[in-house]
Structures are given as structure tokens and as C-alpha cells.
């Protein structure tokens, strides 16, 4: 419970979106499709500042329990819909 409330997504550059759409909007769209509230997200960061659409992102969530719920919900969603995106608990 004392670890950061962060999940790590790899492969977000393959999320569907509209040309010119900011990559964070694609993550919010992902949360919508996975039936997760946007209010769970405190911040979205990436260490990839070179690419317009980064490959990885860290999503900081509001609580540890929300982190676990989001992690397992996204795992299930990616298993059913997008097999080329990985989610990790930090």
C-alpha cells in the first residue's frame, strides 16, 4: 500500500485516435472504452519527449485500491481488444 499509485502502459502509440489528437486524449479515450472514470487519473507523464506520440506512459491514480481496480480492468480490456499494449503495476 505504500508503493506509488502508478501504472505503466507500453504501446500507447498504437492506441486508436484522430490525426493530430494529443496522446493524453487517447489515454482518456481508453479509460472511457474500458468503463473507467477519468476522475481516477491524477496525472499522465512520459519520459519520451522526442516523439509526438510516445510509446510509454505512467498514469498516477488517486488511491491504491483504484490502482488495483484500474490495473485489472485494463488487463482484461487489453486481453479482449488490444493485445499489443502492456500494463504494469509500479
PDB file of N, CA and C in Angstrom:
ATOM      1  N   UNK A   1       0.814  -1.202   0.000  1.00  0.00           N
ATOM      2  CA  UNK A   1       0.000   0.000   0.000  1.00  0.00           C
ATOM      3  C   UNK A   1       0.855   1.262   0.000  1.00  0.00           C
ATOM      4  N   UNK A   2       2.146   1.139   0.299  1.00  0.00           N
ATOM      5  CA  UNK A   2       2.990   2.317   0.370  1.00  0.00           C
ATOM      6  C   UNK A   2       3.748   2.576  -0.929  1.00  0.00           C
ATOM      7  N   UNK A   3       3.533   1.723  -1.917  1.00  0.00           N
ATOM      8  CA  UNK A   3       4.158   1.966  -3.209  1.00  0.00           C
ATOM      9  C   UNK A   3       3.361   3.032  -3.967  1.00  0.00           C
ATOM     10  N   UNK A   4       3.948   3.632  -4.987  1.00  0.00           N
ATOM     11  CA  UNK A   4       3.242   4.690  -5.723  1.00  0.00           C
ATOM     12  C   UNK A   4       1.959   4.166  -6.378  1.00  0.00           C
ATOM     13  N   UNK A   5       1.008   5.012  -6.517  1.00  0.00           N
ATOM     14  CA  UNK A   5      -0.269   4.650  -7.138  1.00  0.00           C
ATOM     15  C   UNK A   5      -0.165   4.884  -8.643  1.00  0.00           C
ATOM     16  N   UNK A   6       0.794   4.201  -9.261  1.00  0.00           N
ATOM     17  CA  UNK A   6       1.101   4.432 -10.664  1.00  0.00           C
ATOM     18  C   UNK A   6       1.032   3.130 -11.440  1.00  0.00           C
ATOM     19  N   UNK A   7       0.466   3.205 -12.645  1.00  0.00           N
ATOM     20  CA  UNK A   7       0.538   2.089 -13.582  1.00  0.00           C
ATOM     21  C   UNK A   7       1.315   2.570 -14.800  1.00  0.00           C
ATOM     22  N   UNK A   8       1.956   1.636 -15.460  1.00  0.00           N
ATOM     23  CA  UNK A   8       2.809   1.935 -16.600  1.00  0.00           C
ATOM     24  C   UNK A   8       2.208   1.267 -17.833  1.00  0.00           C
ATOM     25  N   UNK A   9       1.971   2.035 -18.883  1.00  0.00           N
ATOM     26  CA  UNK A   9       1.445   1.499 -20.139  1.00  0.00           C
ATOM     27  C   UNK A   9       2.537   1.524 -21.194  1.00  0.00           C
ATOM     28  N   UNK A  10       2.700   0.412 -21.907  1.00  0.00           N
ATOM     29  CA  UNK A  10       3.633   0.320 -23.022  1.00  0.00           C
ATOM     30  C   UNK A  10       2.845   0.029 -24.292  1.00  0.00           C
ATOM     31  N   UNK A  11       3.167   0.735 -25.350  1.00  0.00           N
ATOM     32  CA  UNK A  11       2.489   0.531 -26.625  1.00  0.00           C
ATOM     33  C   UNK A  11       1.358   1.509 -26.877  1.00  0.00           C
ATOM     34  N   UNK A  12       1.350   2.628 -26.162  1.00  0.00           N
ATOM     35  CA  UNK A  12       0.234   3.574 -26.321  1.00  0.00           C
ATOM     36  C   UNK A  12       0.255   4.270 -27.671  1.00  0.00           C
ATOM     37  N   UNK A  13       1.386   4.180 -28.382  1.00  0.00           N
ATOM     38  CA  UNK A  13       1.425   4.771 -29.715  1.00  0.00           C
ATOM     39  C   UNK A  13       0.528   4.018 -30.694  1.00  0.00           C
ATOM     40  N   UNK A  14       0.078   2.816 -30.313  1.00  0.00           N
ATOM     41  CA  UNK A  14      -0.825   2.058 -31.174  1.00  0.00           C
ATOM     42  C   UNK A  14      -2.297   2.215 -30.788  1.00  0.00           C
ATOM     43  N   UNK A  15      -2.579   3.073 -29.790  1.00  0.00           N
ATOM     44  CA  UNK A  15      -3.977   3.343 -29.443  1.00  0.00           C
ATOM     45  C   UNK A  15      -4.658   4.076 -30.597  1.00  0.00           C
ATOM     46  N   UNK A  16      -5.905   3.748 -30.870  1.00  0.00           N
ATOM     47  CA  UNK A  16      -6.585   4.444 -31.964  1.00  0.00           C
ATOM     48  C   UNK A  16      -6.842   5.904 -31.607  1.00  0.00           C
ATOM     49  N   UNK A  17      -6.846   6.727 -32.618  1.00  0.00           N
ATOM     50  CA  UNK A  17      -7.110   8.142 -32.397  1.00  0.00           C
ATOM     51  C   UNK A  17      -7.226   8.875 -33.715  1.00  0.00           C
ATOM     52  N   UNK A  18      -7.508  10.134 -33.624  1.00  0.00           N
ATOM     53  CA  UNK A  18      -7.645  11.002 -34.780  1.00  0.00           C
ATOM     54  C   UNK A  18      -6.291  11.649 -35.046  1.00  0.00           C
ATOM     55  N   UNK A  19      -5.947  11.853 -36.309  1.00  0.00           N
ATOM     56  CA  UNK A  19      -4.689  12.525 -36.645  1.00  0.00           C
ATOM     57  C   UNK A  19      -4.630  13.879 -35.959  1.00  0.00           C
ATOM     58  N   UNK A  20      -3.502  14.148 -35.327  1.00  0.00           N
ATOM     59  CA  UNK A  20      -3.309  15.414 -34.631  1.00  0.00           C
ATOM     60  C   UNK A  20      -3.824  15.422 -33.202  1.00  0.00           C
ATOM     61  N   UNK A  21      -4.497  14.356 -32.778  1.00  0.00           N
ATOM     62  CA  UNK A  21      -5.014  14.272 -31.419  1.00  0.00           C
ATOM     63  C   UNK A  21      -3.862  14.075 -30.444  1.00  0.00           C
ATOM     64  N   UNK A  22      -3.888  14.802 -29.341  1.00  0.00           N
ATOM     65  CA  UNK A  22      -2.827  14.675 -28.339  1.00  0.00           C
ATOM     66  C   UNK A  22      -2.886  13.287 -27.721  1.00  0.00           C
ATOM     67  N   UNK A  23      -1.715  12.738 -27.396  1.00  0.00           N
ATOM     68  CA  UNK A  23      -1.649  11.363 -26.904  1.00  0.00           C
ATOM     69  C   UNK A  23      -2.363  11.179 -25.573  1.00  0.00           C
ATOM     70  N   UNK A  24      -2.442  12.214 -24.740  1.00  0.00           N
ATOM     71  CA  UNK A  24      -3.162  12.059 -23.475  1.00  0.00           C
ATOM     72  C   UNK A  24      -4.659  11.885 -23.714  1.00  0.00           C
ATOM     73  N   UNK A  25      -5.171  12.488 -24.761  1.00  0.00           N
ATOM     74  CA  UNK A  25      -6.584  12.298 -25.106  1.00  0.00           C
ATOM     75  C   UNK A  25      -6.866  10.846 -25.466  1.00  0.00           C
ATOM     76  N   UNK A  26      -5.903  10.200 -26.074  1.00  0.00           N
ATOM     77  CA  UNK A  26      -6.073   8.775 -26.408  1.00  0.00           C
ATOM     78  C   UNK A  26      -6.158   7.926 -25.141  1.00  0.00           C
ATOM     79  N   UNK A  27      -5.425   8.310 -24.116  1.00  0.00           N
ATOM     80  CA  UNK A  27      -5.488   7.570 -22.846  1.00  0.00           C
ATOM     81  C   UNK A  27      -6.837   7.799 -22.174  1.00  0.00           C
ATOM     82  N   UNK A  28      -7.333   9.026 -22.207  1.00  0.00           N
ATOM     83  CA  UNK A  28      -8.671   9.284 -21.660  1.00  0.00           C
ATOM     84  C   UNK A  28      -9.733   8.500 -22.437  1.00  0.00           C
ATOM     85  N   UNK A  29      -9.568   8.391 -23.747  1.00  0.00           N
ATOM     86  CA  UNK A  29     -10.488   7.595 -24.559  1.00  0.00           C
ATOM     87  C   UNK A  29     -10.405   6.125 -24.176  1.00  0.00           C
ATOM     88  N   UNK A  30      -9.194   5.651 -23.917  1.00  0.00           N
ATOM     89  CA  UNK A  30      -9.006   4.276 -23.449  1.00  0.00           C
ATOM     90  C   UNK A  30      -9.774   4.041 -22.157  1.00  0.00           C
ATOM     91  N   UNK A  31      -9.671   4.966 -21.206  1.00  0.00           N
ATOM     92  CA  UNK A  31     -10.407   4.838 -19.945  1.00  0.00           C
ATOM     93  C   UNK A  31     -11.919   4.806 -20.201  1.00  0.00           C
ATOM     94  N   UNK A  32     -12.385   5.607 -21.131  1.00  0.00           N
ATOM     95  CA  UNK A  32     -13.815   5.610 -21.470  1.00  0.00           C
ATOM     96  C   UNK A  32     -14.236   4.253 -22.008  1.00  0.00           C
ATOM     97  N   UNK A  33     -13.469   3.692 -22.947  1.00  0.00           N
ATOM     98  CA  UNK A  33     -13.815   2.399 -23.543  1.00  0.00           C
ATOM     99  C   UNK A  33     -13.725   1.257 -22.536  1.00  0.00           C
ATOM    100  N   UNK A  34     -12.845   1.389 -21.551  1.00  0.00           N
ATOM    101  CA  UNK A  34     -12.698   0.350 -20.527  1.00  0.00           C
ATOM    102  C   UNK A  34     -13.651   0.571 -19.345  1.00  0.00           C
ATOM    103  N   UNK A  35     -14.528   1.557 -19.459  1.00  0.00           N
ATOM    104  CA  UNK A  35     -15.501   1.891 -18.412  1.00  0.00           C
ATOM    105  C   UNK A  35     -14.839   2.283 -17.091  1.00  0.00           C
ATOM    106  N   UNK A  36     -13.786   3.076 -17.195  1.00  0.00           N
ATOM    107  CA  UNK A  36     -13.097   3.609 -16.019  1.00  0.00           C
ATOM    108  C   UNK A  36     -13.296   5.123 -15.985  1.00  0.00           C
ATOM    109  N   UNK A  37     -13.643   5.679 -14.833  1.00  0.00           N
ATOM    110  CA  UNK A  37     -13.848   7.130 -14.738  1.00  0.00           C
ATOM    111  C   UNK A  37     -12.550   7.912 -14.936  1.00  0.00           C
ATOM    112  N   UNK A  38     -12.639   9.022 -15.623  1.00  0.00           N
ATOM    113  CA  UNK A  38     -11.475   9.906 -15.815  1.00  0.00           C
ATOM    114  C   UNK A  38     -11.009  10.496 -14.488  1.00  0.00           C
ATOM    115  N   UNK A  39     -11.884  10.565 -13.518  1.00  0.00           N
ATOM    116  CA  UNK A  39     -11.526  11.144 -12.218  1.00  0.00           C
ATOM    117  C   UNK A  39     -10.526  10.279 -11.451  1.00  0.00           C
ATOM    118  N   UNK A  40     -10.306   9.049 -11.885  1.00  0.00           N
ATOM    119  CA  UNK A  40      -9.294   8.198 -11.268  1.00  0.00           C
ATOM    120  C   UNK A  40      -7.887   8.735 -11.519  1.00  0.00           C
ATOM    121  N   UNK A  41      -7.691   9.476 -12.604  1.00  0.00           N
ATOM    122  CA  UNK A  41      -6.366   9.908 -13.039  1.00  0.00           C
ATOM    123  C   UNK A  41      -5.968  11.205 -12.342  1.00  0.00           C
ATOM    124  N   UNK A  42      -4.805  11.177 -11.688  1.00  0.00           N
ATOM    125  CA  UNK A  42      -4.223  12.401 -11.132  1.00  0.00           C
ATOM    126  C   UNK A  42      -3.307  13.064 -12.144  1.00  0.00           C
ATOM    127  N   UNK A  43      -2.464  12.255 -12.804  1.00  0.00           N
ATOM    128  CA  UNK A  43      -1.563  12.807 -13.811  1.00  0.00           C
ATOM    129  C   UNK A  43      -1.139  11.719 -14.786  1.00  0.00           C
ATOM    130  N   UNK A  44      -0.728  12.170 -15.973  1.00  0.00           N
ATOM    131  CA  UNK A  44      -0.208  11.285 -17.007  1.00  0.00           C
ATOM    132  C   UNK A  44       1.130  11.861 -17.432  1.00  0.00           C
ATOM    133  N   UNK A  45       2.184  11.046 -17.329  1.00  0.00           N
ATOM    134  CA  UNK A  45       3.538  11.508 -17.656  1.00  0.00           C
ATOM    135  C   UNK A  45       4.216  10.511 -18.579  1.00  0.00           C
ATOM    136  N   UNK A  46       5.204  11.019 -19.311  1.00  0.00           N
ATOM    137  CA  UNK A  46       6.043  10.164 -20.132  1.00  0.00           C
ATOM    138  C   UNK A  46       7.480  10.655 -20.049  1.00  0.00           C
ATOM    139  N   UNK A  47       8.400   9.727 -20.211  1.00  0.00           N
ATOM    140  CA  UNK A  47       9.804  10.119 -20.258  1.00  0.00           C
ATOM    141  C   UNK A  47      10.270  10.281 -21.699  1.00  0.00           C
ATOM    142  N   UNK A  48       9.415   9.921 -22.657  1.00  0.00           N
ATOM    143  CA  UNK A  48       9.726  10.029 -24.082  1.00  0.00           C
ATOM    144  C   UNK A  48       9.286  11.406 -24.588  1.00  0.00           C
ATOM    145  N   UNK A  49      10.199  12.347 -24.588  1.00  0.00           N
ATOM    146  CA  UNK A  49       9.867  13.705 -25.026  1.00  0.00           C
ATOM    147  C   UNK A  49      10.248  13.949 -26.478  1.00  0.00           C
ATOM    148  N   UNK A  50      10.847  12.946 -27.129  1.00  0.00           N
ATOM    149  CA  UNK A  50      11.282  13.108 -28.515  1.00  0.00           C
ATOM    150  C   UNK A  50      10.130  12.898 -29.485  1.00  0.00           C
ATOM    151  N   UNK A  51       9.347  11.850 -29.274  1.00  0.00           N
ATOM    152  CA  UNK A  51       8.256  11.504 -30.197  1.00  0.00           C
ATOM    153  C   UNK A  51       6.999  12.298 -29.887  1.00  0.00           C
ATOM    154  N   UNK A  52       6.259  12.615 -30.938  1.00  0.00           N
ATOM    155  CA  UNK A  52       4.996  13.321 -30.756  1.00  0.00           C
ATOM    156  C   UNK A  52       3.991  12.447 -30.016  1.00  0.00           C
ATOM    157  N   UNK A  53       3.975  11.158 -30.365  1.00  0.00           N
ATOM    158  CA  UNK A  53       3.155  10.184 -29.649  1.00  0.00           C
ATOM    159  C   UNK A  53       4.102   9.176 -29.010  1.00  0.00           C
ATOM    160  N   UNK A  54       4.303   9.256 -27.697  1.00  0.00           N
ATOM    161  CA  UNK A  54       5.266   8.356 -27.041  1.00  0.00           C
ATOM    162  C   UNK A  54       4.774   6.914 -27.013  1.00  0.00           C
ATOM    163  N   UNK A  55       5.693   5.998 -26.763  1.00  0.00           N
ATOM    164  CA  UNK A  55       5.364   4.584 -26.672  1.00  0.00           C
ATOM    165  C   UNK A  55       4.928   4.197 -25.263  1.00  0.00           C
ATOM    166  N   UNK A  56       5.440   4.892 -24.248  1.00  0.00           N
ATOM    167  CA  UNK A  56       5.139   4.533 -22.865  1.00  0.00           C
ATOM    168  C   UNK A  56       4.600   5.741 -22.096  1.00  0.00           C
ATOM    169  N   UNK A  57       3.820   5.439 -21.066  1.00  0.00           N
ATOM    170  CA  UNK A  57       3.285   6.498 -20.200  1.00  0.00           C
ATOM    171  C   UNK A  57       3.082   5.939 -18.802  1.00  0.00           C
ATOM    172  N   UNK A  58       3.245   6.808 -17.819  1.00  0.00           N
ATOM    173  CA  UNK A  58       2.954   6.481 -16.429  1.00  0.00           C
ATOM    174  C   UNK A  58       1.709   7.255 -16.015  1.00  0.00           C
ATOM    175  N   UNK A  59       0.736   6.538 -15.481  1.00  0.00           N
ATOM    176  CA  UNK A  59      -0.521   7.145 -15.057  1.00  0.00           C
ATOM    177  C   UNK A  59      -0.593   7.055 -13.540  1.00  0.00           C
ATOM    178  N   UNK A  60      -0.632   8.203 -12.893  1.00  0.00           N
ATOM    179  CA  UNK A  60      -0.758   8.251 -11.439  1.00  0.00           C
ATOM    180  C   UNK A  60      -2.241   8.319 -11.094  1.00  0.00           C
ATOM    181  N   UNK A  61      -2.667   7.409 -10.210  1.00  0.00           N
ATOM    182  CA  UNK A  61      -4.082   7.287  -9.859  1.00  0.00           C
ATOM    183  C   UNK A  61      -4.314   7.766  -8.427  1.00  0.00           C
ATOM    184  N   UNK A  62      -5.584   7.948  -8.066  1.00  0.00           N
ATOM    185  CA  UNK A  62      -5.908   8.627  -6.809  1.00  0.00           C
ATOM    186  C   UNK A  62      -5.643   7.796  -5.559  1.00  0.00           C
ATOM    187  N   UNK A  63      -5.835   6.480  -5.610  1.00  0.00           N
ATOM    188  CA  UNK A  63      -5.596   5.646  -4.429  1.00  0.00           C
ATOM    189  C   UNK A  63      -5.029   4.294  -4.853  1.00  0.00           C
ATOM    190  N   UNK A  64      -4.549   3.558  -3.882  1.00  0.00           N
ATOM    191  CA  UNK A  64      -4.010   2.221  -4.136  1.00  0.00           C
ATOM    192  C   UNK A  64      -5.103   1.279  -4.645  1.00  0.00           C
ATOM    193  N   UNK A  65      -6.271   1.326  -4.056  1.00  0.00           N
ATOM    194  CA  UNK A  65      -7.371   0.457  -4.478  1.00  0.00           C
ATOM    195  C   UNK A  65      -7.821   0.780  -5.895  1.00  0.00           C
ATOM    196  N   UNK A  66      -7.841   2.045  -6.234  1.00  0.00           N
ATOM    197  CA  UNK A  66      -8.183   2.459  -7.605  1.00  0.00           C
ATOM    198  C   UNK A  66      -7.108   1.949  -8.569  1.00  0.00           C
ATOM    199  N   UNK A  67      -5.861   1.984  -8.134  1.00  0.00           N
ATOM    200  CA  UNK A  67      -4.765   1.464  -8.956  1.00  0.00           C
ATOM    201  C   UNK A  67      -4.991  -0.016  -9.270  1.00  0.00           C
ATOM    202  N   UNK A  68      -5.307  -0.806  -8.249  1.00  0.00           N
ATOM    203  CA  UNK A  68      -5.543  -2.235  -8.464  1.00  0.00           C
ATOM    204  C   UNK A  68      -6.742  -2.475  -9.374  1.00  0.00           C
ATOM    205  N   UNK A  69      -7.829  -1.758  -9.136  1.00  0.00           N
ATOM    206  CA  UNK A  69      -9.024  -1.905  -9.973  1.00  0.00           C
ATOM    207  C   UNK A  69      -8.719  -1.525 -11.423  1.00  0.00           C
ATOM    208  N   UNK A  70      -8.022  -0.420 -11.616  1.00  0.00           N
ATOM    209  CA  UNK A  70      -7.686   0.043 -12.957  1.00  0.00           C
ATOM    210  C   UNK A  70      -6.757  -0.948 -13.652  1.00  0.00           C
ATOM    211  N   UNK A  71      -5.770  -1.442 -12.939  1.00  0.00           N
ATOM    212  CA  UNK A  71      -4.826  -2.407 -13.493  1.00  0.00           C
ATOM    213  C   UNK A  71      -5.548  -3.650 -14.015  1.00  0.00           C
ATOM    214  N   UNK A  72      -6.387  -4.247 -13.193  1.00  0.00           N
ATOM    215  CA  UNK A  72      -7.069  -5.470 -13.602  1.00  0.00           C
ATOM    216  C   UNK A  72      -8.119  -5.214 -14.678  1.00  0.00           C
ATOM    217  N   UNK A  73      -8.765  -4.070 -14.636  1.00  0.00           N
ATOM    218  CA  UNK A  73      -9.729  -3.727 -15.677  1.00  0.00           C
ATOM    219  C   UNK A  73      -9.032  -3.535 -17.016  1.00  0.00           C
ATOM    220  N   UNK A  74      -7.898  -2.830 -17.018  1.00  0.00           N
ATOM    221  CA  UNK A  74      -7.150  -2.628 -18.266  1.00  0.00           C
ATOM    222  C   UNK A  74      -6.547  -3.939 -18.770  1.00  0.00           C
ATOM    223  N   UNK A  75      -6.083  -4.790 -17.867  1.00  0.00           N
ATOM    224  CA  UNK A  75      -5.590  -6.109 -18.286  1.00  0.00           C
ATOM    225  C   UNK A  75      -6.665  -6.874 -19.042  1.00  0.00           C
ATOM    226  N   UNK A  76      -7.857  -6.892 -18.487  1.00  0.00           N
ATOM    227  CA  UNK A  76      -8.962  -7.592 -19.132  1.00  0.00           C
ATOM    228  C   UNK A  76      -9.315  -6.932 -20.460  1.00  0.00           C
ATOM    229  N   UNK A  77      -9.371  -5.608 -20.492  1.00  0.00           N
ATOM    230  CA  UNK A  77      -9.701  -4.890 -21.718  1.00  0.00           C
ATOM    231  C   UNK A  77      -8.668  -5.166 -22.814  1.00  0.00           C
ATOM    232  N   UNK A  78      -7.377  -5.130 -22.464  1.00  0.00           N
ATOM    233  CA  UNK A  78      -6.334  -5.366 -23.459  1.00  0.00           C
ATOM    234  C   UNK A  78      -6.342  -6.815 -23.931  1.00  0.00           C
ATOM    235  N   UNK A  79      -6.675  -7.734 -23.073  1.00  0.00           N
ATOM    236  CA  UNK A  79      -6.765  -9.138 -23.467  1.00  0.00           C
ATOM    237  C   UNK A  79      -7.861  -9.330 -24.508  1.00  0.00           C
ATOM    238  N   UNK A  80      -8.964  -8.613 -24.336  1.00  0.00           N
ATOM    239  CA  UNK A  80     -10.092  -8.770 -25.243  1.00  0.00           C
ATOM    240  C   UNK A  80      -9.961  -7.932 -26.513  1.00  0.00           C
ATOM    241  N   UNK A  81      -9.310  -6.759 -26.437  1.00  0.00           N
ATOM    242  CA  UNK A  81      -9.352  -5.829 -27.558  1.00  0.00           C
ATOM    243  C   UNK A  81      -7.994  -5.469 -28.155  1.00  0.00           C
ATOM    244  N   UNK A  82      -7.025  -5.196 -27.354  1.00  0.00           N
ATOM    245  CA  UNK A  82      -5.736  -4.679 -27.843  1.00  0.00           C
ATOM    246  C   UNK A  82      -4.600  -5.502 -27.240  1.00  0.00           C
ATOM    247  N   UNK A  83      -4.176  -6.508 -27.931  1.00  0.00           N
ATOM    248  CA  UNK A  83      -3.158  -7.393 -27.384  1.00  0.00           C
ATOM    249  C   UNK A  83      -1.739  -6.827 -27.468  1.00  0.00           C
ATOM    250  N   UNK A  84      -1.552  -5.733 -28.178  1.00  0.00           N
ATOM    251  CA  UNK A  84      -0.213  -5.176 -28.356  1.00  0.00           C
ATOM    252  C   UNK A  84       0.126  -4.077 -27.344  1.00  0.00           C
ATOM    253  N   UNK A  85      -0.702  -3.885 -26.325  1.00  0.00           N
ATOM    254  CA  UNK A  85      -0.449  -2.890 -25.281  1.00  0.00           C
ATOM    255  C   UNK A  85      -0.268  -3.625 -23.955  1.00  0.00           C
ATOM    256  N   UNK A  86       0.771  -3.261 -23.229  1.00  0.00           N
ATOM    257  CA  UNK A  86       1.060  -3.888 -21.928  1.00  0.00           C
ATOM    258  C   UNK A  86       0.787  -2.909 -20.804  1.00  0.00           C
ATOM    259  N   UNK A  87       0.317  -3.444 -19.692  1.00  0.00           N
ATOM    260  CA  UNK A  87       0.092  -2.636 -18.497  1.00  0.00           C
ATOM    261  C   UNK A  87       0.847  -3.281 -17.342  1.00  0.00           C
ATOM    262  N   UNK A  88       1.538  -2.449 -16.560  1.00  0.00           N
ATOM    263  CA  UNK A  88       2.311  -2.925 -15.412  1.00  0.00           C
ATOM    264  C   UNK A  88       1.992  -2.107 -14.196  1.00  0.00           C
ATOM    265  N   UNK A  89       1.988  -2.754 -13.029  1.00  0.00           N
ATOM    266  CA  UNK A  89       1.890  -2.030 -11.770  1.00  0.00           C
ATOM    267  C   UNK A  89       3.291  -1.633 -11.376  1.00  0.00           C
ATOM    268  N   UNK A  90       3.487  -0.400 -10.977  1.00  0.00           N
ATOM    269  CA  UNK A  90       4.803   0.035 -10.479  1.00  0.00           C
ATOM    270  C   UNK A  90       4.899  -0.181  -9.006  1.00  0.00           C
TER     271      UNK A  90
END
